[in-house]
All heavy atoms as atom14 arrays in JSON, in Angstrom:
{
  "sequence": "EGDLRKNYYRYSDANYSYWEKPITDQERKDLIGAMTTLSSFSGA",
  "atom14_mask": [
    [1, 1, 1, 1, 1, 1, 1, 1, 1, 0, 0, 0, 0, 0],
    [1, 1, 1, 1, 0, 0, 0, 0, 0, 0, 0, 0, 0, 0],
    [1, 1, 1, 1, 1, 1, 1, 1, 0, 0, 0, 0, 0, 0],
    [1, 1, 1, 1, 1, 1, 1, 1, 0, 0, 0, 0, 0, 0],
    [1, 1, 1, 1, 1, 1, 1, 1, 1, 1, 1, 0, 0, 0],
    [1, 1, 1, 1, 1, 1, 1, 1, 1, 0, 0, 0, 0, 0],
    [1, 1, 1, 1, 1, 1, 1, 1, 0, 0, 0, 0, 0, 0],
    [1, 1, 1, 1, 1, 1, 1, 1, 1, 1, 1, 1, 0, 0],
    [1, 1, 1, 1, 1, 1, 1, 1, 1, 1, 1, 1, 0, 0],
    [1, 1, 1, 1, 1, 1, 1, 1, 1, 1, 1, 0, 0, 0],
    [1, 1, 1, 1, 1, 1, 1, 1, 1, 1, 1, 1, 0, 0],
    [1, 1, 1, 1, 1, 1, 0, 0, 0, 0, 0, 0, 0, 0],
    [1, 1, 1, 1, 1, 1, 1, 1, 0, 0, 0, 0, 0, 0],
    [1, 1, 1, 1, 1, 0, 0, 0, 0, 0, 0, 0, 0, 0],
    [1, 1, 1, 1, 1, 1, 1, 1, 0, 0, 0, 0, 0, 0],
    [1, 1, 1, 1, 1, 1, 1, 1, 1, 1, 1, 1, 0, 0],
    [1, 1, 1, 1, 1, 1, 0, 0, 0, 0, 0, 0, 0, 0],
    [1, 1, 1, 1, 1, 1, 1, 1, 1, 1, 1, 1, 0, 0],
    [1, 1, 1, 1, 1, 1, 1, 1, 1, 1, 1, 1, 1, 1],
    [1, 1, 1, 1, 1, 1, 1, 1, 1, 0, 0, 0, 0, 0],
    [1, 1, 1, 1, 1, 1, 1, 1, 1, 0, 0, 0, 0, 0],
    [1, 1, 1, 1, 1, 1, 1, 0, 0, 0, 0, 0, 0, 0],
    [1, 1, 1, 1, 1, 1, 1, 1, 0, 0, 0, 0, 0, 0],
    [1, 1, 1, 1, 1, 1, 1, 0, 0, 0, 0, 0, 0, 0],
    [1, 1, 1, 1, 1, 1, 1, 1, 0, 0, 0, 0, 0, 0],
    [1, 1, 1, 1, 1, 1, 1, 1, 1, 0, 0, 0, 0, 0],
    [1, 1, 1, 1, 1, 1, 1, 1, 1, 0, 0, 0, 0, 0],
    [1, 1, 1, 1, 1, 1, 1, 1, 1, 1, 1, 0, 0, 0],
    [1, 1, 1, 1, 1, 1, 1, 1, 1, 0, 0, 0, 0, 0],
    [1, 1, 1, 1, 1, 1, 1, 1, 0, 0, 0, 0, 0, 0],
    [1, 1, 1, 1, 1, 1, 1, 1, 0, 0, 0, 0, 0, 0],
    [1, 1, 1, 1, 1, 1, 1, 1, 0, 0, 0, 0, 0, 0],
    [1, 1, 1, 1, 0, 0, 0, 0, 0, 0, 0, 0, 0, 0],
    [1, 1, 1, 1, 1, 0, 0, 0, 0, 0, 0, 0, 0, 0],
    [1, 1, 1, 1, 1, 1, 1, 1, 0, 0, 0, 0, 0, 0],
    [1, 1, 1, 1, 1, 1, 1, 0, 0, 0, 0, 0, 0, 0],
    [1, 1, 1, 1, 1, 1, 1, 0, 0, 0, 0, 0, 0, 0],
    [1, 1, 1, 1, 1, 1, 1, 1, 0, 0, 0, 0, 0, 0],
    [1, 1, 1, 1, 1, 1, 0, 0, 0, 0, 0, 0, 0, 0],
    [1, 1, 1, 1, 1, 1, 0, 0, 0, 0, 0, 0, 0, 0],
    [1, 1, 1, 1, 1, 1, 1, 1, 1, 1, 1, 0, 0, 0],
    [1, 1, 1, 1, 1, 1, 0, 0, 0, 0, 0, 0, 0, 0],
    [1, 1, 1, 1, 0, 0, 0, 0, 0, 0, 0, 0, 0, 0],
    [1, 1, 1, 1, 1, 0, 0, 0, 0, 0, 0, 0, 0, 0]
  ],
  "atom14_positions": [
    [[163.16, 135.82, 123.0], [162.03, 136.17, 123.86], [162.15, 135.54, 125.24], [161.7, 136.11, 126.24], [160.7, 135.72, 123.23], [160.42, 136.3, 121.85], [161.03, 135.46, 120.74], [161.86, 134.58, 121.04], [160.69, 135.71, 119.55], [0.0, 0.0, 0.0], [0.0, 0.0, 0.0], [0.0, 0.0, 0.0], [0.0, 0.0, 0.0], [0.0, 0.0, 0.0]],
    [[162.79, 134.38, 125.31], [162.91, 133.7, 126.59], [164.03, 134.24, 127.46], [164.02, 134.07, 128.68], [0.0, 0.0, 0.0], [0.0, 0.0, 0.0], [0.0, 0.0, 0.0], [0.0, 0.0, 0.0], [0.0, 0.0, 0.0], [0.0, 0.0, 0.0], [0.0, 0.0, 0.0], [0.0, 0.0, 0.0], [0.0, 0.0, 0.0], [0.0, 0.0, 0.0]],
    [[165.03, 134.88, 126.84], [166.16, 135.45, 127.57], [166.59, 136.71, 126.85], [167.31, 136.66, 125.85], [167.31, 134.44, 127.65], [168.43, 134.93, 128.58], [168.44, 136.14, 128.93], [169.28, 134.11, 128.94], [0.0, 0.0, 0.0], [0.0, 0.0, 0.0], [0.0, 0.0, 0.0], [0.0, 0.0, 0.0], [0.0, 0.0, 0.0], [0.0, 0.0, 0.0]],
    [[166.13, 137.87, 127.33], [166.37, 139.13, 126.64], [167.84, 139.53, 126.63], [168.22, 140.5, 125.96], [165.52, 140.24, 127.3], [164.01, 140.03, 127.22], [163.29, 141.19, 127.89], [163.56, 139.89, 125.77], [0.0, 0.0, 0.0], [0.0, 0.0, 0.0], [0.0, 0.0, 0.0], [0.0, 0.0, 0.0], [0.0, 0.0, 0.0], [0.0, 0.0, 0.0]],
    [[168.66, 138.8, 127.34], [170.1, 139.11, 127.35], [170.83, 138.43, 126.19], [171.99, 138.7, 125.95], [170.74, 138.67, 128.67], [170.21, 139.42, 129.9], [170.71, 138.78, 131.17], [170.26, 137.38, 131.28], [170.62, 136.55, 132.25], [171.47, 136.98, 133.19], [170.15, 135.31, 132.29], [0.0, 0.0, 0.0], [0.0, 0.0, 0.0], [0.0, 0.0, 0.0]],
    [[170.12, 137.56, 125.48], [170.75, 136.78, 124.43], [170.2, 137.15, 123.05], [169.01, 137.42, 122.91], [170.56, 135.29, 124.68], [171.24, 134.77, 125.94], [170.87, 133.32, 126.21], [171.32, 132.42, 125.08], [171.02, 130.99, 125.37], [0.0, 0.0, 0.0], [0.0, 0.0, 0.0], [0.0, 0.0, 0.0], [0.0, 0.0, 0.0], [0.0, 0.0, 0.0]],
    [[171.09, 137.15, 122.05], [170.7, 137.38, 120.66], [171.04, 136.14, 119.82], [172.05, 135.47, 120.06], [171.43, 138.58, 120.06], [170.98, 139.89, 120.66], [169.84, 140.01, 121.11], [171.86, 140.87, 120.7], [0.0, 0.0, 0.0], [0.0, 0.0, 0.0], [0.0, 0.0, 0.0], [0.0, 0.0, 0.0], [0.0, 0.0, 0.0], [0.0, 0.0, 0.0]],
    [[170.21, 135.86, 118.85], [170.56, 134.84, 117.86], [170.67, 135.54, 116.5], [170.15, 136.65, 116.3], [169.54, 133.7, 117.82], [168.12, 134.1, 117.5], [167.67, 134.1, 116.18], [167.23, 134.43, 118.51], [166.36, 134.44, 115.89], [165.92, 134.77, 118.22], [165.48, 134.79, 116.91], [164.2, 135.14, 116.6], [0.0, 0.0, 0.0], [0.0, 0.0, 0.0]],
    [[171.33, 134.89, 115.54], [171.69, 135.57, 114.3], [171.24, 134.76, 113.09], [171.38, 133.54, 113.05], [173.21, 135.78, 114.23], [173.73, 136.65, 115.34], [173.99, 136.11, 116.6], [173.93, 138.0, 115.15], [174.44, 136.9, 117.64], [174.39, 138.81, 116.18], [174.64, 138.25, 117.41], [175.08, 139.05, 118.44], [0.0, 0.0, 0.0], [0.0, 0.0, 0.0]],
    [[170.67, 135.48, 112.11], [170.29, 134.87, 110.84], [170.11, 135.98, 109.8], [170.13, 137.17, 110.13], [169.0, 134.05, 110.98], [167.79, 134.87, 111.35], [166.49, 134.07, 111.33], [166.59, 132.83, 112.09], [165.55, 132.29, 112.73], [164.37, 132.91, 112.72], [165.68, 131.18, 113.39], [0.0, 0.0, 0.0], [0.0, 0.0, 0.0], [0.0, 0.0, 0.0]],
    [[169.91, 135.57, 108.55], [169.66, 136.56, 107.5], [168.24, 137.12, 107.64], [167.3, 136.38, 108.0], [169.79, 135.93, 106.11], [171.2, 135.52, 105.73], [171.44, 134.29, 105.11], [172.28, 136.35, 105.98], [172.71, 133.91, 104.76], [173.56, 135.98, 105.63], [173.78, 134.75, 105.02], [175.05, 134.37, 104.66], [0.0, 0.0, 0.0], [0.0, 0.0, 0.0]],
    [[168.08, 138.39, 107.36], [166.73, 138.98, 107.37], [165.94, 138.53, 106.15], [164.71, 138.56, 106.16], [166.84, 140.52, 107.38], [167.57, 140.98, 106.25], [0.0, 0.0, 0.0], [0.0, 0.0, 0.0], [0.0, 0.0, 0.0], [0.0, 0.0, 0.0], [0.0, 0.0, 0.0], [0.0, 0.0, 0.0], [0.0, 0.0, 0.0], [0.0, 0.0, 0.0]],
    [[166.62, 138.09, 105.1], [165.98, 137.57, 103.89], [166.18, 136.06, 103.85], [167.31, 135.56, 103.72], [166.61, 138.22, 102.65], [165.99, 137.76, 101.35], [165.12, 136.86, 101.39], [166.4, 138.26, 100.29], [0.0, 0.0, 0.0], [0.0, 0.0, 0.0], [0.0, 0.0, 0.0], [0.0, 0.0, 0.0], [0.0, 0.0, 0.0], [0.0, 0.0, 0.0]],
    [[165.11, 135.31, 103.95], [165.2, 133.85, 104.01], [165.74, 133.24, 102.72], [166.21, 132.1, 102.73], [163.82, 133.26, 104.33], [0.0, 0.0, 0.0], [0.0, 0.0, 0.0], [0.0, 0.0, 0.0], [0.0, 0.0, 0.0], [0.0, 0.0, 0.0], [0.0, 0.0, 0.0], [0.0, 0.0, 0.0], [0.0, 0.0, 0.0], [0.0, 0.0, 0.0]],
    [[165.68, 133.97, 101.61], [166.14, 133.45, 100.33], [167.59, 133.85, 100.0], [168.11, 133.49, 98.95], [165.23, 133.95, 99.2], [163.82, 133.45, 99.34], [163.6, 132.26, 99.63], [162.83, 134.33, 99.16], [0.0, 0.0, 0.0], [0.0, 0.0, 0.0], [0.0, 0.0, 0.0], [0.0, 0.0, 0.0], [0.0, 0.0, 0.0], [0.0, 0.0, 0.0]],
    [[168.2, 134.6, 100.91], [169.55, 135.09, 100.64], [170.59, 133.99, 100.84], [170.49, 133.16, 101.74], [169.88, 136.26, 101.56], [171.28, 136.83, 101.36], [171.53, 137.78, 100.38], [172.34, 136.38, 102.15], [172.81, 138.3, 100.19], [173.62, 136.89, 101.97], [173.86, 137.84, 100.99], [175.12, 138.34, 100.81], [0.0, 0.0, 0.0], [0.0, 0.0, 0.0]],
    [[171.62, 133.98, 99.99], [172.78, 133.12, 100.16], [174.04, 133.93, 99.86], [174.1, 134.64, 98.85], [172.72, 131.9, 99.23], [173.96, 131.2, 99.28], [0.0, 0.0, 0.0], [0.0, 0.0, 0.0], [0.0, 0.0, 0.0], [0.0, 0.0, 0.0], [0.0, 0.0, 0.0], [0.0, 0.0, 0.0], [0.0, 0.0, 0.0], [0.0, 0.0, 0.0]],
    [[175.01, 133.81, 100.73], [176.25, 134.57, 100.57], [176.99, 134.18, 99.3], [177.71, 134.97, 98.72], [177.15, 134.31, 101.79], [178.32, 135.26, 101.9], [178.12, 136.6, 102.25], [179.62, 134.82, 101.67], [179.18, 137.47, 102.36], [180.69, 135.69, 101.79], [180.48, 137.01, 102.14], [181.53, 137.88, 102.26], [0.0, 0.0, 0.0], [0.0, 0.0, 0.0]],
    [[176.81, 132.94, 98.84], [177.55, 132.44, 97.69], [176.72, 132.41, 96.42], [177.24, 132.02, 95.36], [178.06, 131.03, 97.98], [178.88, 130.98, 99.24], [178.48, 130.55, 100.46], [180.21, 131.46, 99.4], [179.49, 130.71, 101.37], [180.57, 131.27, 100.76], [181.15, 132.04, 98.54], [181.81, 131.61, 101.26], [182.39, 132.37, 99.04], [182.71, 132.17, 100.38]],
    [[175.48, 132.8, 96.48], [174.64, 132.75, 95.29], [174.06, 134.11, 94.94], [172.97, 134.23, 94.4], [173.51, 131.74, 95.5], [174.01, 130.31, 95.69], [172.88, 129.33, 95.96], [171.71, 129.77, 95.89], [173.17, 128.16, 96.22], [0.0, 0.0, 0.0], [0.0, 0.0, 0.0], [0.0, 0.0, 0.0], [0.0, 0.0, 0.0], [0.0, 0.0, 0.0]],
    [[174.8, 135.15, 95.24], [174.33, 136.5, 94.91], [174.46, 136.72, 93.41], [175.44, 136.31, 92.79], [175.17, 137.55, 95.66], [175.19, 137.37, 97.17], [175.93, 138.5, 97.84], [177.39, 138.55, 97.46], [178.16, 137.41, 97.95], [0.0, 0.0, 0.0], [0.0, 0.0, 0.0], [0.0, 0.0, 0.0], [0.0, 0.0, 0.0], [0.0, 0.0, 0.0]],
    [[173.5, 137.37, 92.79], [173.65, 137.7, 91.37], [174.79, 138.69, 91.19], [174.98, 139.59, 92.01], [172.29, 138.33, 91.01], [171.75, 138.83, 92.31], [172.23, 137.87, 93.36], [0.0, 0.0, 0.0], [0.0, 0.0, 0.0], [0.0, 0.0, 0.0], [0.0, 0.0, 0.0], [0.0, 0.0, 0.0], [0.0, 0.0, 0.0], [0.0, 0.0, 0.0]],
    [[175.56, 138.52, 90.13], [176.7, 139.42, 89.92], [176.2, 140.75, 89.38], [175.21, 140.83, 88.64], [177.73, 138.81, 88.96], [177.14, 138.58, 87.57], [178.29, 137.51, 89.52], [178.16, 138.13, 86.55], [0.0, 0.0, 0.0], [0.0, 0.0, 0.0], [0.0, 0.0, 0.0], [0.0, 0.0, 0.0], [0.0, 0.0, 0.0], [0.0, 0.0, 0.0]],
    [[176.91, 141.8, 89.73], [176.56, 143.14, 89.27], [177.1, 143.37, 87.86], [177.91, 142.59, 87.35], [177.14, 144.2, 90.21], [178.57, 144.15, 90.14], [176.7, 143.94, 91.65], [0.0, 0.0, 0.0], [0.0, 0.0, 0.0], [0.0, 0.0, 0.0], [0.0, 0.0, 0.0], [0.0, 0.0, 0.0], [0.0, 0.0, 0.0], [0.0, 0.0, 0.0]],
    [[176.64, 144.46, 87.24], [177.14, 144.8, 85.9], [178.65, 145.01, 85.9], [179.35, 144.58, 84.98], [176.44, 146.06, 85.38], [174.98, 145.81, 85.04], [174.62, 144.62, 84.87], [174.21, 146.78, 84.98], [0.0, 0.0, 0.0], [0.0, 0.0, 0.0], [0.0, 0.0, 0.0], [0.0, 0.0, 0.0], [0.0, 0.0, 0.0], [0.0, 0.0, 0.0]],
    [[179.15, 145.66, 86.97], [180.58, 145.91, 87.05], [181.35, 144.6, 87.24], [182.41, 144.39, 86.63], [180.9, 146.86, 88.2], [182.38, 147.25, 88.3], [182.88, 147.91, 87.03], [182.26, 148.84, 86.5], [183.99, 147.41, 86.5], [0.0, 0.0, 0.0], [0.0, 0.0, 0.0], [0.0, 0.0, 0.0], [0.0, 0.0, 0.0], [0.0, 0.0, 0.0]],
    [[180.79, 143.7, 88.06], [181.44, 142.4, 88.26], [181.46, 141.61, 86.96], [182.43, 140.91, 86.66], [180.72, 141.61, 89.36], [180.97, 142.16, 90.76], [180.08, 141.49, 91.8], [179.0, 140.99, 91.44], [180.47, 141.47, 92.98], [0.0, 0.0, 0.0], [0.0, 0.0, 0.0], [0.0, 0.0, 0.0], [0.0, 0.0, 0.0], [0.0, 0.0, 0.0]],
    [[180.39, 141.71, 86.18], [180.33, 141.03, 84.9], [181.41, 141.57, 83.95], [182.11, 140.8, 83.27], [178.95, 141.19, 84.26], [178.76, 140.42, 82.97], [177.32, 140.59, 82.48], [176.39, 139.96, 83.4], [176.07, 138.66, 83.36], [176.61, 137.88, 82.45], [175.23, 138.17, 84.21], [0.0, 0.0, 0.0], [0.0, 0.0, 0.0], [0.0, 0.0, 0.0]],
    [[181.57, 142.9, 83.92], [182.61, 143.5, 83.08], [184.0, 143.06, 83.53], [184.87, 142.76, 82.7], [182.5, 145.03, 83.15], [181.27, 145.6, 82.47], [181.21, 147.12, 82.61], [179.95, 147.68, 81.98], [179.84, 149.15, 82.16], [0.0, 0.0, 0.0], [0.0, 0.0, 0.0], [0.0, 0.0, 0.0], [0.0, 0.0, 0.0], [0.0, 0.0, 0.0]],
    [[184.19, 143.01, 84.86], [185.5, 142.58, 85.38], [185.8, 141.13, 85.01], [186.93, 140.79, 84.66], [185.54, 142.75, 86.91], [185.53, 144.21, 87.34], [185.85, 145.07, 86.5], [185.19, 144.48, 88.5], [0.0, 0.0, 0.0], [0.0, 0.0, 0.0], [0.0, 0.0, 0.0], [0.0, 0.0, 0.0], [0.0, 0.0, 0.0], [0.0, 0.0, 0.0]],
    [[184.76, 140.27, 85.08], [184.94, 138.87, 84.73], [185.26, 138.69, 83.25], [186.09, 137.86, 82.88], [183.7, 138.06, 85.1], [183.54, 137.71, 86.58], [182.16, 137.14, 86.84], [184.6, 136.7, 86.99], [0.0, 0.0, 0.0], [0.0, 0.0, 0.0], [0.0, 0.0, 0.0], [0.0, 0.0, 0.0], [0.0, 0.0, 0.0], [0.0, 0.0, 0.0]],
    [[184.6, 139.47, 82.39], [184.88, 139.4, 80.96], [186.33, 139.8, 80.7], [187.04, 139.19, 79.9], [183.9, 140.3, 80.17], [182.49, 139.71, 80.24], [184.35, 140.43, 78.72], [181.43, 140.6, 79.63], [0.0, 0.0, 0.0], [0.0, 0.0, 0.0], [0.0, 0.0, 0.0], [0.0, 0.0, 0.0], [0.0, 0.0, 0.0], [0.0, 0.0, 0.0]],
    [[186.79, 140.85, 81.41], [188.17, 141.27, 81.27], [189.15, 140.21, 81.72], [190.17, 139.95, 81.08], [0.0, 0.0, 0.0], [0.0, 0.0, 0.0], [0.0, 0.0, 0.0], [0.0, 0.0, 0.0], [0.0, 0.0, 0.0], [0.0, 0.0, 0.0], [0.0, 0.0, 0.0], [0.0, 0.0, 0.0], [0.0, 0.0, 0.0], [0.0, 0.0, 0.0]],
    [[188.8, 139.56, 82.84], [189.67, 138.49, 83.36], [189.7, 137.3, 82.41], [190.75, 136.7, 82.18], [189.18, 138.05, 84.74], [0.0, 0.0, 0.0], [0.0, 0.0, 0.0], [0.0, 0.0, 0.0], [0.0, 0.0, 0.0], [0.0, 0.0, 0.0], [0.0, 0.0, 0.0], [0.0, 0.0, 0.0], [0.0, 0.0, 0.0], [0.0, 0.0, 0.0]],
    [[188.54, 136.96, 81.83], [188.48, 135.85, 80.88], [189.28, 136.16, 79.62], [189.95, 135.28, 79.06], [187.03, 135.56, 80.52], [186.23, 134.93, 81.66], [184.45, 134.93, 81.31], [184.4, 133.96, 79.81], [0.0, 0.0, 0.0], [0.0, 0.0, 0.0], [0.0, 0.0, 0.0], [0.0, 0.0, 0.0], [0.0, 0.0, 0.0], [0.0, 0.0, 0.0]],
    [[189.23, 137.4, 79.18], [189.99, 137.79, 78.0], [191.49, 137.64, 78.25], [192.24, 137.16, 77.4], [189.67, 139.25, 77.62], [188.27, 139.36, 77.34], [190.46, 139.69, 76.4], [0.0, 0.0, 0.0], [0.0, 0.0, 0.0], [0.0, 0.0, 0.0], [0.0, 0.0, 0.0], [0.0, 0.0, 0.0], [0.0, 0.0, 0.0], [0.0, 0.0, 0.0]],
    [[191.92, 138.05, 79.44], [193.33, 137.89, 79.79], [193.71, 136.42, 79.88], [194.76, 136.01, 79.39], [193.63, 138.59, 81.13], [193.28, 139.99, 81.02], [195.11, 138.47, 81.49], [0.0, 0.0, 0.0], [0.0, 0.0, 0.0], [0.0, 0.0, 0.0], [0.0, 0.0, 0.0], [0.0, 0.0, 0.0], [0.0, 0.0, 0.0], [0.0, 0.0, 0.0]],
    [[192.84, 135.62, 80.52], [193.12, 134.18, 80.64], [193.24, 133.52, 79.26], [194.1, 132.67, 79.04], [192.0, 133.5, 81.43], [192.08, 133.54, 82.95], [190.84, 132.89, 83.55], [193.34, 132.84, 83.46], [0.0, 0.0, 0.0], [0.0, 0.0, 0.0], [0.0, 0.0, 0.0], [0.0, 0.0, 0.0], [0.0, 0.0, 0.0], [0.0, 0.0, 0.0]],
    [[192.4, 133.93, 78.33], [192.41, 133.3, 77.01], [193.72, 133.58, 76.28], [194.11, 132.83, 75.39], [191.24, 133.81, 76.16], [191.39, 135.18, 75.84], [0.0, 0.0, 0.0], [0.0, 0.0, 0.0], [0.0, 0.0, 0.0], [0.0, 0.0, 0.0], [0.0, 0.0, 0.0], [0.0, 0.0, 0.0], [0.0, 0.0, 0.0], [0.0, 0.0, 0.0]],
    [[194.42, 134.65, 76.67], [195.71, 134.96, 76.05], [196.77, 133.94, 76.42], [197.78, 133.81, 75.74], [196.16, 136.37, 76.47], [195.21, 137.34, 76.11], [0.0, 0.0, 0.0], [0.0, 0.0, 0.0], [0.0, 0.0, 0.0], [0.0, 0.0, 0.0], [0.0, 0.0, 0.0], [0.0, 0.0, 0.0], [0.0, 0.0, 0.0], [0.0, 0.0, 0.0]],
    [[196.57, 133.24, 77.54], [197.53, 132.22, 77.97], [197.22, 130.86, 77.38], [197.98, 129.92, 77.57], [197.52, 132.1, 79.5], [198.14, 133.27, 80.2], [197.38, 134.36, 80.58], [199.5, 133.3, 80.46], [197.95, 135.44, 81.23], [200.08, 134.37, 81.1], [199.3, 135.45, 81.49], [0.0, 0.0, 0.0], [0.0, 0.0, 0.0], [0.0, 0.0, 0.0]],
    [[196.1, 130.73, 76.67], [195.69, 129.43, 76.14], [196.78, 128.87, 75.23], [197.26, 129.53, 74.32], [194.38, 129.57, 75.37], [193.99, 128.35, 74.83], [0.0, 0.0, 0.0], [0.0, 0.0, 0.0], [0.0, 0.0, 0.0], [0.0, 0.0, 0.0], [0.0, 0.0, 0.0], [0.0, 0.0, 0.0], [0.0, 0.0, 0.0], [0.0, 0.0, 0.0]],
    [[197.17, 127.63, 75.5], [198.19, 126.98, 74.7], [199.6, 127.13, 75.23], [200.51, 126.44, 74.8], [0.0, 0.0, 0.0], [0.0, 0.0, 0.0], [0.0, 0.0, 0.0], [0.0, 0.0, 0.0], [0.0, 0.0, 0.0], [0.0, 0.0, 0.0], [0.0, 0.0, 0.0], [0.0, 0.0, 0.0], [0.0, 0.0, 0.0], [0.0, 0.0, 0.0]],
    [[199.8, 128.04, 76.18], [201.12, 128.22, 76.77], [201.4, 127.1, 77.76], [200.46, 126.53, 78.34], [201.21, 129.57, 77.48], [0.0, 0.0, 0.0], [0.0, 0.0, 0.0], [0.0, 0.0, 0.0], [0.0, 0.0, 0.0], [0.0, 0.0, 0.0], [0.0, 0.0, 0.0], [0.0, 0.0, 0.0], [0.0, 0.0, 0.0], [0.0, 0.0, 0.0]]
  ]
}
């Protein structure tokens, strides 16, 4: 408001965090698949 030539930047949602987003159903499925593959290496 004090200088219309300048912009400042922030999230439109005050509760948002780039690193704390809830995972989607597809991301959950992908993680389960990755964990299953990882478990196959257990003991190697």
